[in-house]
Amino acid sequence: MEYRVGDIVTLKKEHPCGSHDWKILRVGADFRLECLGCGHQVMLARKIVEKNTKGLNHAKLSVLHR
């Protein structure tokens, strides 16, 4: 699965605020994720994110024409 900054990831386990959805802020050996329910940010190892991903919604890139 290809992960990109701005994508929305649905994880198997819910955050204590009740949300399953996270926005990807950083991609690399570690991921920085932001909870879409409360805004809390966490750093997780790539292996953990890949293992616990239930769904992935790719961000739509908008192109500005000048």
C-alpha atoms as a PDB file:
ATOM      1  CA  MET A   1       0.000   0.000   0.000  1.00  0.00           C
ATOM      2  CA  GLU A   2       1.323   3.459  -0.854  1.00  0.00           C
ATOM      3  CA  TYR A   3       0.961   6.105   1.854  1.00  0.00           C
ATOM      4  CA  ARG A   4       1.192   9.841   1.104  1.00  0.00           C
ATOM      5  CA  VAL A   5       1.024  13.000   3.199  1.00  0.00           C
ATOM      6  CA  GLY A   6      -2.591  14.162   3.426  1.00  0.00           C
ATOM      7  CA  ASP A   7      -4.125  10.694   3.089  1.00  0.00           C
ATOM      8  CA  ILE A   8      -6.748   9.575   5.622  1.00  0.00           C
ATOM      9  CA  VAL A   9      -6.035   6.215   7.289  1.00  0.00           C
ATOM     10  CA  THR A  10      -8.653   4.162   9.135  1.00  0.00           C
ATOM     11  CA  LEU A  11      -7.040   2.075  11.882  1.00  0.00           C
ATOM     12  CA  LYS A  12      -8.441  -1.076  13.497  1.00  0.00           C
ATOM     13  CA  LYS A  13      -8.328   0.245  17.064  1.00  0.00           C
ATOM     14  CA  GLU A  14     -10.143   3.425  17.995  1.00  0.00           C
ATOM     15  CA  HIS A  15      -8.544   6.405  19.712  1.00  0.00           C
ATOM     16  CA  PRO A  16      -9.876   7.166  23.222  1.00  0.00           C
ATOM     17  CA  CYS A  17     -11.901  10.050  21.712  1.00  0.00           C
ATOM     18  CA  GLY A  18     -13.818   7.451  19.645  1.00  0.00           C
ATOM     19  CA  SER A  19     -12.376   8.165  16.188  1.00  0.00           C
ATOM     20  CA  HIS A  20     -10.794   5.542  13.906  1.00  0.00           C
ATOM     21  CA  ASP A  21      -9.632   8.042  11.256  1.00  0.00           C
ATOM     22  CA  TRP A  22      -6.192   9.673  11.134  1.00  0.00           C
ATOM     23  CA  LYS A  23      -4.599  12.141   8.723  1.00  0.00           C
ATOM     24  CA  ILE A  24      -1.009  11.418   7.649  1.00  0.00           C
ATOM     25  CA  LEU A  25       1.266  14.393   8.345  1.00  0.00           C
ATOM     26  CA  ARG A  26       4.661  12.717   7.775  1.00  0.00           C
ATOM     27  CA  VAL A  27       5.761   9.579   5.934  1.00  0.00           C
ATOM     28  CA  GLY A  28       9.076   7.758   6.309  1.00  0.00           C
ATOM     29  CA  ALA A  29      10.407   5.076   8.636  1.00  0.00           C
ATOM     30  CA  ASP A  30       7.953   6.629  11.129  1.00  0.00           C
ATOM     31  CA  PHE A  31       4.542   8.156  10.491  1.00  0.00           C
ATOM     32  CA  ARG A  32       3.159  11.292  12.152  1.00  0.00           C
ATOM     33  CA  LEU A  33      -0.606  10.943  12.381  1.00  0.00           C
ATOM     34  CA  GLU A  34      -3.263  13.431  13.505  1.00  0.00           C
ATOM     35  CA  CYS A  35      -6.534  12.161  14.957  1.00  0.00           C
ATOM     36  CA  LEU A  36      -9.491  13.588  13.041  1.00  0.00           C
ATOM     37  CA  GLY A  37     -11.659  13.378  16.147  1.00  0.00           C
ATOM     38  CA  CYS A  38      -9.643  15.466  18.610  1.00  0.00           C
ATOM     39  CA  GLY A  39      -6.519  16.676  16.763  1.00  0.00           C
ATOM     40  CA  HIS A  40      -4.032  14.713  18.893  1.00  0.00           C
ATOM     41  CA  GLN A  41      -0.764  13.904  17.052  1.00  0.00           C
ATOM     42  CA  VAL A  42       1.269  10.713  17.449  1.00  0.00           C
ATOM     43  CA  MET A  43       4.407   9.207  15.901  1.00  0.00           C
ATOM     44  CA  LEU A  44       4.185   5.509  15.018  1.00  0.00           C
ATOM     45  CA  ALA A  45       6.599   3.125  13.321  1.00  0.00           C
ATOM     46  CA  ARG A  46       5.749   2.300   9.697  1.00  0.00           C
ATOM     47  CA  LYS A  47       5.414  -1.392  10.592  1.00  0.00           C
ATOM     48  CA  ILE A  48       2.709  -0.661  13.185  1.00  0.00           C
ATOM     49  CA  VAL A  49       0.711   1.591  10.837  1.00  0.00           C
ATOM     50  CA  GLU A  50       0.885  -0.935   7.977  1.00  0.00           C
ATOM     51  CA  LYS A  51      -0.214  -3.765  10.290  1.00  0.00           C
ATOM     52  CA  ASN A  52      -3.164  -1.863  11.811  1.00  0.00           C
ATOM     53  CA  THR A  53      -4.511  -0.134   8.687  1.00  0.00           C
ATOM     54  CA  LYS A  54      -8.112  -1.060   7.924  1.00  0.00           C
ATOM     55  CA  GLY A  55      -8.698   1.421   5.098  1.00  0.00           C
ATOM     56  CA  LEU A  56      -6.963   4.196   3.160  1.00  0.00           C
ATOM     57  CA  ASN A  57      -8.495   7.218   1.419  1.00  0.00           C
ATOM     58  CA  HIS A  58      -6.048   8.995  -0.869  1.00  0.00           C
ATOM     59  CA  ALA A  59      -6.066  12.795  -0.762  1.00  0.00           C
ATOM     60  CA  LYS A  60      -7.095  14.486  -3.975  1.00  0.00           C
ATOM     61  CA  LEU A  61      -4.372  16.759  -5.302  1.00  0.00           C
ATOM     62  CA  SER A  62      -5.594  20.069  -6.631  1.00  0.00           C
ATOM     63  CA  VAL A  63      -3.611  21.707  -9.391  1.00  0.00           C
ATOM     64  CA  LEU A  64      -3.660  25.469  -9.722  1.00  0.00           C
ATOM     65  CA  HIS A  65      -3.588  26.799 -13.274  1.00  0.00           C
ATOM     66  CA  ARG A  66      -2.113  30.248 -13.805  1.00  0.00           C
END
